[in-house]
Amino acid sequence: QVQLVESGGGLVQPGGSLRLSCATSGFSLDDYAIGWFRQAPGKEREGVVCFTGVDDRLNVANSVKGRFRIARDNAKNMVFLEMRSLKPEDTAVYYCAANPPILPPGQNCLHREFDWWGRGTQVTVSS
């Protein structure tokens, strides 16, 4: 049974940093697509950063390039989202999600509807 549990959200000031964690079980991070998505109040859910599960290909949303980074600890079945230079518009519920490899190669995982989702963790950027 696939499970994903996010943690690490909270209130942070603009310009600050935060690291989210996602504990995974029921599948191998080596073999699956894994990513972070977010949904702000009144907006649709959007992809933030994800691995496609194919050739270690990574997709990153333009809005977070240079500020957010995804990291994996395959041995511990953990995925992280490291966020810096946070802005008020980054305020959202952040979700960790997993999916079988995104095929064919070259597909952008940010726009795919992943199969498995965590419950999310709230990130609020405000002074």
C-alpha atoms as a PDB file:
ATOM      1  CA  GLN A   1       0.000   0.000   0.000  1.00  0.00           C
ATOM      2  CA  VAL A   2       1.450   3.318  -1.080  1.00  0.00           C
ATOM      3  CA  GLN A   3       1.550   5.971   1.619  1.00  0.00           C
ATOM      4  CA  LEU A   4       2.951   9.492   1.650  1.00  0.00           C
ATOM      5  CA  VAL A   5       3.036  11.712   4.723  1.00  0.00           C
ATOM      6  CA  GLU A   6       4.196  15.323   4.539  1.00  0.00           C
ATOM      7  CA  SER A   7       5.592  17.383   7.375  1.00  0.00           C
ATOM      8  CA  GLY A   8       7.549  20.553   7.992  1.00  0.00           C
ATOM      9  CA  GLY A   9       5.093  23.236   6.968  1.00  0.00           C
ATOM     10  CA  GLY A  10       4.570  26.397   8.957  1.00  0.00           C
ATOM     11  CA  LEU A  11       4.701  30.169   9.022  1.00  0.00           C
ATOM     12  CA  VAL A  12       7.798  31.838   7.604  1.00  0.00           C
ATOM     13  CA  GLN A  13       8.666  35.434   6.798  1.00  0.00           C
ATOM     14  CA  PRO A  14       9.259  36.598   3.236  1.00  0.00           C
ATOM     15  CA  GLY A  15      12.819  35.831   2.216  1.00  0.00           C
ATOM     16  CA  GLY A  16      13.009  32.936   4.637  1.00  0.00           C
ATOM     17  CA  SER A  17      13.629  29.236   4.113  1.00  0.00           C
ATOM     18  CA  LEU A  18      11.770  26.054   4.923  1.00  0.00           C
ATOM     19  CA  ARG A  19      12.285  22.355   4.303  1.00  0.00           C
ATOM     20  CA  LEU A  20       9.363  20.022   3.796  1.00  0.00           C
ATOM     21  CA  SER A  21       9.651  16.280   4.273  1.00  0.00           C
ATOM     22  CA  CYS A  22       7.680  13.412   2.782  1.00  0.00           C
ATOM     23  CA  ALA A  23       7.878   9.958   4.313  1.00  0.00           C
ATOM     24  CA  THR A  24       7.028   7.331   1.715  1.00  0.00           C
ATOM     25  CA  SER A  25       6.223   3.629   1.876  1.00  0.00           C
ATOM     26  CA  GLY A  26       4.872   0.897  -0.376  1.00  0.00           C
ATOM     27  CA  PHE A  27       7.068   1.607  -3.385  1.00  0.00           C
ATOM     28  CA  SER A  28      10.661   2.260  -4.370  1.00  0.00           C
ATOM     29  CA  LEU A  29      11.801   5.826  -4.957  1.00  0.00           C
ATOM     30  CA  ASP A  30      14.272   4.445  -7.495  1.00  0.00           C
ATOM     31  CA  ASP A  31      11.484   3.250  -9.762  1.00  0.00           C
ATOM     32  CA  TYR A  32       8.665   5.784  -9.438  1.00  0.00           C
ATOM     33  CA  ALA A  33       7.956   9.377 -10.317  1.00  0.00           C
ATOM     34  CA  ILE A  34       7.869  11.565  -7.221  1.00  0.00           C
ATOM     35  CA  GLY A  35       7.109  15.225  -6.860  1.00  0.00           C
ATOM     36  CA  TRP A  36       5.780  18.195  -4.965  1.00  0.00           C
ATOM     37  CA  PHE A  37       2.623  20.063  -5.893  1.00  0.00           C
ATOM     38  CA  ARG A  38       0.829  22.952  -4.246  1.00  0.00           C
ATOM     39  CA  GLN A  39      -2.585  24.556  -4.090  1.00  0.00           C
ATOM     40  CA  ALA A  40      -3.152  28.131  -3.004  1.00  0.00           C
ATOM     41  CA  PRO A  41      -6.559  29.378  -1.806  1.00  0.00           C
ATOM     42  CA  GLY A  42      -8.884  29.896  -4.747  1.00  0.00           C
ATOM     43  CA  LYS A  43      -6.397  28.500  -7.251  1.00  0.00           C
ATOM     44  CA  GLU A  44      -5.899  25.224  -9.037  1.00  0.00           C
ATOM     45  CA  ARG A  45      -3.276  22.794  -7.902  1.00  0.00           C
ATOM     46  CA  GLU A  46       0.040  23.255  -9.684  1.00  0.00           C
ATOM     47  CA  GLY A  47       3.203  21.227 -10.064  1.00  0.00           C
ATOM     48  CA  VAL A  48       6.257  22.614  -8.291  1.00  0.00           C
ATOM     49  CA  VAL A  49       9.056  20.125  -8.913  1.00  0.00           C
ATOM     50  CA  CYS A  50       9.145  16.438  -9.781  1.00  0.00           C
ATOM     51  CA  PHE A  51      11.260  13.542 -10.947  1.00  0.00           C
ATOM     52  CA  THR A  52       9.674  11.681 -13.857  1.00  0.00           C
ATOM     53  CA  GLY A  53      11.049   8.302 -12.758  1.00  0.00           C
ATOM     54  CA  VAL A  54      12.725   7.942 -16.163  1.00  0.00           C
ATOM     55  CA  ASP A  55      16.484   8.546 -16.465  1.00  0.00           C
ATOM     56  CA  ASP A  56      16.333  10.770 -13.366  1.00  0.00           C
ATOM     57  CA  ARG A  57      14.735  13.528 -15.433  1.00  0.00           C
ATOM     58  CA  LEU A  58      13.665  16.533 -13.349  1.00  0.00           C
ATOM     59  CA  ASN A  59      10.997  19.128 -14.107  1.00  0.00           C
ATOM     60  CA  VAL A  60      10.844  22.427 -12.197  1.00  0.00           C
ATOM     61  CA  ALA A  61       8.158  25.097 -12.385  1.00  0.00           C
ATOM     62  CA  ASN A  62       9.409  28.465 -13.644  1.00  0.00           C
ATOM     63  CA  SER A  63       7.954  30.213 -10.596  1.00  0.00           C
ATOM     64  CA  VAL A  64      10.336  28.379  -8.241  1.00  0.00           C
ATOM     65  CA  LYS A  65      13.456  27.858 -10.372  1.00  0.00           C
ATOM     66  CA  GLY A  66      16.584  28.802  -8.475  1.00  0.00           C
ATOM     67  CA  ARG A  67      14.689  28.895  -5.164  1.00  0.00           C
ATOM     68  CA  PHE A  68      13.257  25.391  -4.606  1.00  0.00           C
ATOM     69  CA  ARG A  69      15.060  22.059  -4.769  1.00  0.00           C
ATOM     70  CA  ILE A  70      13.838  18.486  -4.469  1.00  0.00           C
ATOM     71  CA  ALA A  71      16.016  15.910  -2.785  1.00  0.00           C
ATOM     72  CA  ARG A  72      15.635  12.194  -2.159  1.00  0.00           C
ATOM     73  CA  ASP A  73      17.040   9.794   0.401  1.00  0.00           C
ATOM     74  CA  ASN A  74      16.216   6.489  -1.253  1.00  0.00           C
ATOM     75  CA  ALA A  75      17.627   4.436   1.612  1.00  0.00           C
ATOM     76  CA  LYS A  76      15.259   6.123   4.075  1.00  0.00           C
ATOM     77  CA  ASN A  77      12.342   6.423   1.644  1.00  0.00           C
ATOM     78  CA  MET A  78      12.253  10.180   2.194  1.00  0.00           C
ATOM     79  CA  VAL A  79      11.704  13.064  -0.192  1.00  0.00           C
ATOM     80  CA  PHE A  80      12.385  16.697   0.662  1.00  0.00           C
ATOM     81  CA  LEU A  81      11.463  20.068  -0.732  1.00  0.00           C
ATOM     82  CA  GLU A  82      14.038  22.692   0.173  1.00  0.00           C
ATOM     83  CA  MET A  83      12.635  26.179  -0.261  1.00  0.00           C
ATOM     84  CA  ARG A  84      14.482  29.464   0.048  1.00  0.00           C
ATOM     85  CA  SER A  85      13.808  33.125  -0.757  1.00  0.00           C
ATOM     86  CA  LEU A  86      10.173  32.445  -0.019  1.00  0.00           C
ATOM     87  CA  LYS A  87       7.542  34.881  -1.243  1.00  0.00           C
ATOM     88  CA  PRO A  88       3.969  35.510  -0.090  1.00  0.00           C
ATOM     89  CA  GLU A  89       2.762  33.956  -3.357  1.00  0.00           C
ATOM     90  CA  ASP A  90       4.368  30.668  -2.294  1.00  0.00           C
ATOM     91  CA  THR A  91       1.668  30.373   0.376  1.00  0.00           C
ATOM     92  CA  ALA A  92      -0.217  27.146  -0.275  1.00  0.00           C
ATOM     93  CA  VAL A  93      -0.877  23.624   0.864  1.00  0.00           C
ATOM     94  CA  TYR A  94       2.028  21.522  -0.387  1.00  0.00           C
ATOM     95  CA  TYR A  95       1.484  17.924  -1.406  1.00  0.00           C
ATOM     96  CA  CYS A  96       3.872  15.065  -2.018  1.00  0.00           C
ATOM     97  CA  ALA A  97       2.780  12.691  -4.784  1.00  0.00           C
ATOM     98  CA  ALA A  98       3.951   9.477  -6.429  1.00  0.00           C
ATOM     99  CA  ASN A  99       3.210   7.750  -9.721  1.00  0.00           C
ATOM    100  CA  PRO A 100       4.560   4.985 -11.922  1.00  0.00           C
ATOM    101  CA  PRO A 101       7.244   6.341 -14.277  1.00  0.00           C
ATOM    102  CA  ILE A 102       5.975   9.072 -16.567  1.00  0.00           C
ATOM    103  CA  LEU A 103       6.098   7.688 -20.088  1.00  0.00           C
ATOM    104  CA  PRO A 104       7.028   8.129 -22.838  1.00  0.00           C
ATOM    105  CA  PRO A 105      10.383   9.738 -21.930  1.00  0.00           C
ATOM    106  CA  GLY A 106      10.314  13.510 -22.263  1.00  0.00           C
ATOM    107  CA  GLN A 107       6.868  14.007 -20.767  1.00  0.00           C
ATOM    108  CA  ASN A 108       6.635  16.831 -18.229  1.00  0.00           C
ATOM    109  CA  CYS A 109       5.590  15.367 -14.879  1.00  0.00           C
ATOM    110  CA  LEU A 110       4.407  18.759 -13.575  1.00  0.00           C
ATOM    111  CA  HIS A 111       1.260  18.475 -15.697  1.00  0.00           C
ATOM    112  CA  ARG A 112       0.388  14.888 -14.905  1.00  0.00           C
ATOM    113  CA  GLU A 113      -2.269  13.704 -12.481  1.00  0.00           C
ATOM    114  CA  PHE A 114      -0.292  11.502 -10.103  1.00  0.00           C
ATOM    115  CA  ASP A 115      -1.867   8.350  -8.685  1.00  0.00           C
ATOM    116  CA  TRP A 116      -0.961   8.670  -4.999  1.00  0.00           C
ATOM    117  CA  TRP A 117      -1.070  11.742  -2.775  1.00  0.00           C
ATOM    118  CA  GLY A 118      -0.295  12.766   0.758  1.00  0.00           C
ATOM    119  CA  ARG A 119      -2.676  14.907   2.795  1.00  0.00           C
ATOM    120  CA  GLY A 120      -0.565  18.015   2.459  1.00  0.00           C
ATOM    121  CA  THR A 121       1.161  20.490   4.743  1.00  0.00           C
ATOM    122  CA  GLN A 122       0.392  24.200   4.985  1.00  0.00           C
ATOM    123  CA  VAL A 123       3.083  26.746   4.154  1.00  0.00           C
ATOM    124  CA  THR A 124       2.320  30.384   4.920  1.00  0.00           C
ATOM    125  CA  VAL A 125       4.727  33.140   3.918  1.00  0.00           C
ATOM    126  CA  SER A 126       3.839  36.335   5.702  1.00  0.00           C
ATOM    127  CA  SER A 127       5.366  39.067   7.799  1.00  0.00           C
END
